[in-house]
Amino acid sequence: TLVVTDAACAEIARTAAEINLAVENIGARRLHTVLERLLEEVSFEAPEMKGQTVTIDATDVQGSVGQLVKKADLSKFVL
């Protein structure tokens, strides 16, 4: 079972919007990218986690996709 807290949902949306503003606004495709990065490890290990509950909170979101935001910030300075 996958549980995503309300705080995690808010952080996912905030992160996607922030990157869209910083780089290029590609709308929901950015949200897809953020979710894909966030769930990459869970998706890979899902077969071995049968019957377990995985909870994702805002800290998990920041840890998983924080690099996307940093890369987006740096991309503004690349010529």
Protein backbone atom coordinates (compact mmCIF):
# COMPACT_ATOMS: atom_id res chain seq x y z
CA THR A 1 0.00 0.00 0.00
CA LEU A 2 1.25 3.46 -0.85
CA VAL A 3 0.24 6.34 1.43
CA VAL A 4 1.02 9.91 0.42
CA THR A 5 0.44 12.46 3.17
CA ASP A 6 -1.34 15.76 2.53
CA ALA A 7 1.93 17.58 3.21
CA ALA A 8 3.67 15.41 0.60
CA CYS A 9 0.96 16.21 -1.98
CA ALA A 10 1.40 19.90 -1.32
CA GLU A 11 5.19 19.61 -1.62
CA ILE A 12 4.89 17.65 -4.88
CA ALA A 13 2.65 20.36 -6.36
CA ARG A 14 4.88 23.16 -5.06
CA THR A 15 8.00 21.53 -6.48
CA ALA A 16 6.47 20.96 -9.91
CA ALA A 17 5.20 24.54 -10.05
CA GLU A 18 8.56 25.95 -8.91
CA ILE A 19 10.46 24.05 -11.60
CA ASN A 20 7.90 25.09 -14.23
CA LEU A 21 8.45 28.72 -13.29
CA ALA A 22 12.24 28.41 -13.25
CA VAL A 23 12.80 26.47 -16.46
CA GLU A 24 9.94 25.99 -18.88
CA ASN A 25 6.27 25.65 -18.08
CA ILE A 26 5.33 22.23 -19.42
CA GLY A 27 2.34 21.92 -17.11
CA ALA A 28 1.28 18.48 -15.94
CA ARG A 29 4.21 16.83 -17.69
CA ARG A 30 6.41 18.41 -15.03
CA LEU A 31 4.20 16.89 -12.34
CA HIS A 32 4.67 13.52 -14.03
CA THR A 33 8.45 13.97 -13.92
CA VAL A 34 8.39 14.86 -10.23
CA LEU A 35 6.20 11.86 -9.39
CA GLU A 36 8.34 9.56 -11.50
CA ARG A 37 11.49 10.65 -9.67
CA LEU A 38 9.78 10.40 -6.29
CA LEU A 39 8.43 6.89 -6.88
CA GLU A 40 11.42 5.49 -8.74
CA GLU A 41 12.81 3.46 -5.84
CA VAL A 42 9.39 2.33 -4.60
CA SER A 43 8.46 1.15 -8.09
CA PHE A 44 11.70 -0.76 -8.46
CA GLU A 45 11.39 -2.49 -5.08
CA ALA A 46 7.62 -3.02 -5.12
CA PRO A 47 7.72 -6.78 -5.83
CA GLU A 48 9.76 -7.36 -2.66
CA MET A 49 7.53 -5.09 -0.58
CA LYS A 50 4.33 -7.08 -1.01
CA GLY A 51 2.01 -6.56 1.96
CA GLN A 52 3.95 -3.58 3.32
CA THR A 53 2.79 0.00 3.63
CA VAL A 54 5.04 2.75 2.30
CA THR A 55 4.31 6.27 3.52
CA ILE A 56 5.65 9.27 1.64
CA ASP A 57 5.80 12.60 3.47
CA ALA A 58 7.07 16.08 2.61
CA THR A 59 10.60 15.20 3.77
CA ASP A 60 10.70 12.27 1.36
CA VAL A 61 9.60 14.55 -1.47
CA GLN A 62 12.30 17.11 -0.67
CA GLY A 63 14.92 14.39 -0.46
CA SER A 64 13.93 12.72 -3.72
CA VAL A 65 13.21 15.68 -5.94
CA GLY A 66 15.13 18.48 -4.25
CA GLN A 67 17.92 17.99 -6.79
CA LEU A 68 15.48 18.79 -9.60
CA VAL A 69 14.82 22.18 -8.04
CA LYS A 70 18.54 22.87 -7.59
CA LYS A 71 19.27 21.89 -11.19
CA ALA A 72 16.43 24.13 -12.36
CA ASP A 73 17.88 27.04 -10.39
CA LEU A 74 21.32 26.51 -11.94
CA SER A 75 19.94 26.16 -15.47
CA LYS A 76 18.98 29.85 -15.44
CA PHE A 77 22.68 30.75 -15.39
CA VAL A 78 23.82 28.50 -18.22
CA LEU A 79 24.30 30.36 -21.52
